C-alpha atoms as a PDB file:
ATOM      1  CA  MET A   1     -70.740  54.131-126.997  1.00  0.00           C
ATOM      2  CA  ASP A   2     -67.105  54.094-128.052  1.00  0.00           C
ATOM      3  CA  MET A   3     -66.346  50.582-129.229  1.00  0.00           C
ATOM      4  CA  ALA A   4     -62.779  49.291-129.263  1.00  0.00           C
ATOM      5  CA  THR A   5     -61.221  46.047-130.411  1.00  0.00           C
ATOM      6  CA  CYS A   6     -58.448  43.943-128.980  1.00  0.00           C
ATOM      7  CA  TYR A   7     -56.954  41.990-131.858  1.00  0.00           C
ATOM      8  CA  VAL A   8     -54.437  39.226-132.415  1.00  0.00           C
ATOM      9  CA  LEU A   9     -52.405  39.043-135.607  1.00  0.00           C
ATOM     10  CA  PHE A  10     -50.378  36.074-136.834  1.00  0.00           C
ATOM     11  CA  SER A  11     -47.338  36.025-139.128  1.00  0.00           C
ATOM     12  CA  ARG A  12     -46.427  32.783-140.881  1.00  0.00           C
ATOM     13  CA  LYS A  13     -42.947  34.169-141.658  1.00  0.00           C
ATOM     14  CA  LEU A  14     -42.194  34.749-137.990  1.00  0.00           C
ATOM     15  CA  ASN A  15     -44.532  32.049-136.657  1.00  0.00           C
ATOM     16  CA  ARG A  16     -45.506  34.601-134.013  1.00  0.00           C
ATOM     17  CA  TYR A  17     -48.580  36.335-132.684  1.00  0.00           C
ATOM     18  CA  TYR A  18     -48.968  40.049-132.056  1.00  0.00           C
ATOM     19  CA  VAL A  19     -51.604  41.500-129.723  1.00  0.00           C
ATOM     20  CA  GLY A  20     -52.884  45.062-130.054  1.00  0.00           C
ATOM     21  CA  TYR A  21     -55.981  47.213-129.754  1.00  0.00           C
ATOM     22  CA  THR A  22     -57.663  49.857-131.845  1.00  0.00           C
ATOM     23  CA  THR A  23     -60.663  52.147-131.759  1.00  0.00           C
ATOM     24  CA  GLY A  24     -60.768  52.086-135.549  1.00  0.00           C
ATOM     25  CA  LEU A  25     -61.139  49.270-138.042  1.00  0.00           C
ATOM     26  CA  VAL A  26     -58.905  46.265-137.508  1.00  0.00           C
ATOM     27  CA  SER A  27     -58.477  46.014-141.288  1.00  0.00           C
ATOM     28  CA  ASP A  28     -56.984  49.534-141.350  1.00  0.00           C
ATOM     29  CA  ARG A  29     -54.608  48.679-138.514  1.00  0.00           C
ATOM     30  CA  LEU A  30     -53.645  45.415-140.257  1.00  0.00           C
ATOM     31  CA  GLN A  31     -52.699  47.344-143.383  1.00  0.00           C
ATOM     32  CA  LYS A  32     -50.503  49.664-141.321  1.00  0.00           C
ATOM     33  CA  HIS A  33     -48.739  46.723-139.676  1.00  0.00           C
ATOM     34  CA  ASN A  34     -48.131  45.003-143.027  1.00  0.00           C
ATOM     35  CA  THR A  35     -46.757  48.132-144.689  1.00  0.00           C
ATOM     36  CA  ALA A  36     -44.677  49.244-141.667  1.00  0.00           C
ATOM     37  CA  THR A  37     -46.575  52.552-141.609  1.00  0.00           C
ATOM     38  CA  HIS A  38     -47.442  51.848-137.988  1.00  0.00           C
ATOM     39  CA  GLY A  39     -43.774  52.512-137.209  1.00  0.00           C
ATOM     40  CA  ASN A  40     -40.846  50.691-138.780  1.00  0.00           C
ATOM     41  CA  HIS A  41     -39.158  50.206-135.400  1.00  0.00           C
ATOM     42  CA  ARG A  42     -42.084  48.177-134.141  1.00  0.00           C
ATOM     43  CA  PHE A  43     -42.160  44.395-133.763  1.00  0.00           C
ATOM     44  CA  THR A  44     -44.668  44.005-136.590  1.00  0.00           C
ATOM     45  CA  ALA A  45     -42.295  45.713-139.047  1.00  0.00           C
ATOM     46  CA  LYS A  46     -40.259  42.477-139.045  1.00  0.00           C
ATOM     47  CA  ALA A  47     -42.867  40.852-141.320  1.00  0.00           C
ATOM     48  CA  ASP A  48     -45.334  41.859-144.003  1.00  0.00           C
ATOM     49  CA  ASP A  49     -47.634  38.861-143.930  1.00  0.00           C
ATOM     50  CA  TRP A  50     -49.672  39.594-140.805  1.00  0.00           C
ATOM     51  CA  GLU A  51     -53.234  38.271-140.848  1.00  0.00           C
ATOM     52  CA  VAL A  52     -56.051  38.745-138.379  1.00  0.00           C
ATOM     53  CA  PHE A  53     -56.222  35.716-136.098  1.00  0.00           C
ATOM     54  CA  LEU A  54     -58.772  36.992-133.585  1.00  0.00           C
ATOM     55  CA  GLU A  55     -60.866  40.096-132.862  1.00  0.00           C
ATOM     56  CA  ILE A  56     -62.593  40.779-129.545  1.00  0.00           C
ATOM     57  CA  VAL A  57     -64.868  43.824-129.476  1.00  0.00           C
ATOM     58  CA  PHE A  58     -65.282  45.739-126.219  1.00  0.00           C
ATOM     59  CA  GLU A  59     -67.630  48.501-125.093  1.00  0.00           C
ATOM     60  CA  ASN A  60     -64.819  50.972-124.549  1.00  0.00           C
ATOM     61  CA  ASN A  61     -61.140  51.688-125.036  1.00  0.00           C
ATOM     62  CA  SER A  62     -60.243  50.923-121.406  1.00  0.00           C
ATOM     63  CA  GLU A  63     -61.539  47.355-121.623  1.00  0.00           C
ATOM     64  CA  ALA A  64     -59.713  46.711-124.892  1.00  0.00           C
ATOM     65  CA  ILE A  65     -56.455  47.987-123.385  1.00  0.00           C
ATOM     66  CA  LEU A  66     -56.902  45.826-120.280  1.00  0.00           C
ATOM     67  CA  ALA A  67     -57.586  42.782-122.465  1.00  0.00           C
ATOM     68  CA  GLU A  68     -54.493  43.512-124.579  1.00  0.00           C
ATOM     69  CA  ARG A  69     -52.330  43.809-121.456  1.00  0.00           C
ATOM     70  CA  TYR A  70     -53.733  40.639-119.926  1.00  0.00           C
ATOM     71  CA  ILE A  71     -53.165  38.584-123.090  1.00  0.00           C
ATOM     72  CA  LYS A  72     -49.600  39.932-123.370  1.00  0.00           C
ATOM     73  CA  GLN A  73     -48.923  39.177-119.690  1.00  0.00           C
ATOM     74  CA  MET A  74     -49.938  35.564-120.271  1.00  0.00           C
ATOM     75  CA  LYS A  75     -47.004  35.228-122.712  1.00  0.00           C
ATOM     76  CA  SER A  76     -48.714  32.124-124.001  1.00  0.00           C
ATOM     77  CA  ARG A  77     -49.303  30.960-127.529  1.00  0.00           C
ATOM     78  CA  VAL A  78     -51.543  28.243-126.082  1.00  0.00           C
ATOM     79  CA  TYR A  79     -53.692  30.854-124.315  1.00  0.00           C
ATOM     80  CA  ILE A  80     -54.120  32.855-127.532  1.00  0.00           C
ATOM     81  CA  GLU A  81     -55.112  29.738-129.448  1.00  0.00           C
ATOM     82  CA  LYS A  82     -57.565  28.744-126.675  1.00  0.00           C
ATOM     83  CA  LEU A  83     -59.232  32.158-126.985  1.00  0.00           C
ATOM     84  CA  LYS A  84     -59.991  31.386-130.613  1.00  0.00           C
ATOM     85  CA  MET A  85     -60.988  27.748-130.120  1.00  0.00           C
ATOM     86  CA  PHE A  86     -63.189  28.161-127.052  1.00  0.00           C
ATOM     87  CA  PRO A  87     -65.602  31.133-126.903  1.00  0.00           C
ATOM     88  CA  GLU A  88     -65.986  30.601-123.150  1.00  0.00           C
ATOM     89  CA  GLU A  89     -62.343  31.667-122.761  1.00  0.00           C
ATOM     90  CA  ILE A  90     -63.279  35.070-124.188  1.00  0.00           C
ATOM     91  CA  ASP A  91     -66.141  35.236-121.681  1.00  0.00           C
ATOM     92  CA  LYS A  92     -63.655  34.487-118.878  1.00  0.00           C
ATOM     93  CA  LEU A  93     -61.339  37.216-120.183  1.00  0.00           C
ATOM     94  CA  ARG A  94     -64.220  39.712-120.223  1.00  0.00           C
ATOM     95  CA  MET A  95     -65.115  38.824-116.608  1.00  0.00           C
ATOM     96  CA  ARG A  96     -61.481  39.097-115.538  1.00  0.00           C
ATOM     97  CA  ILE A  97     -61.029  42.610-116.881  1.00  0.00           C
ATOM     98  CA  LYS A  98     -64.363  43.874-115.510  1.00  0.00           C
ATOM     99  CA  ASN A  99     -63.394  42.891-111.958  1.00  0.00           C
END
């Protein structure tokens, strides 16, 4: 199976979250975001102190992309923080994207 991860990064400098997905290692993607090698025109290039806030592993790329889109559509810092604080919120997210 092709695993994929939806991840949330946090920057203290910007006091902002960033949501993305990867089929590789989140640590590799984090390094790219922090060194602007993921594209210096990207939002994450504005800071170099990104840290992994949350990782949600999915069975395939499609689910990770759907989760990323849903989290971004929520436009809610509170929602992101609830995902980390309450595991049942991740379960709800998984159910939402499967339907």
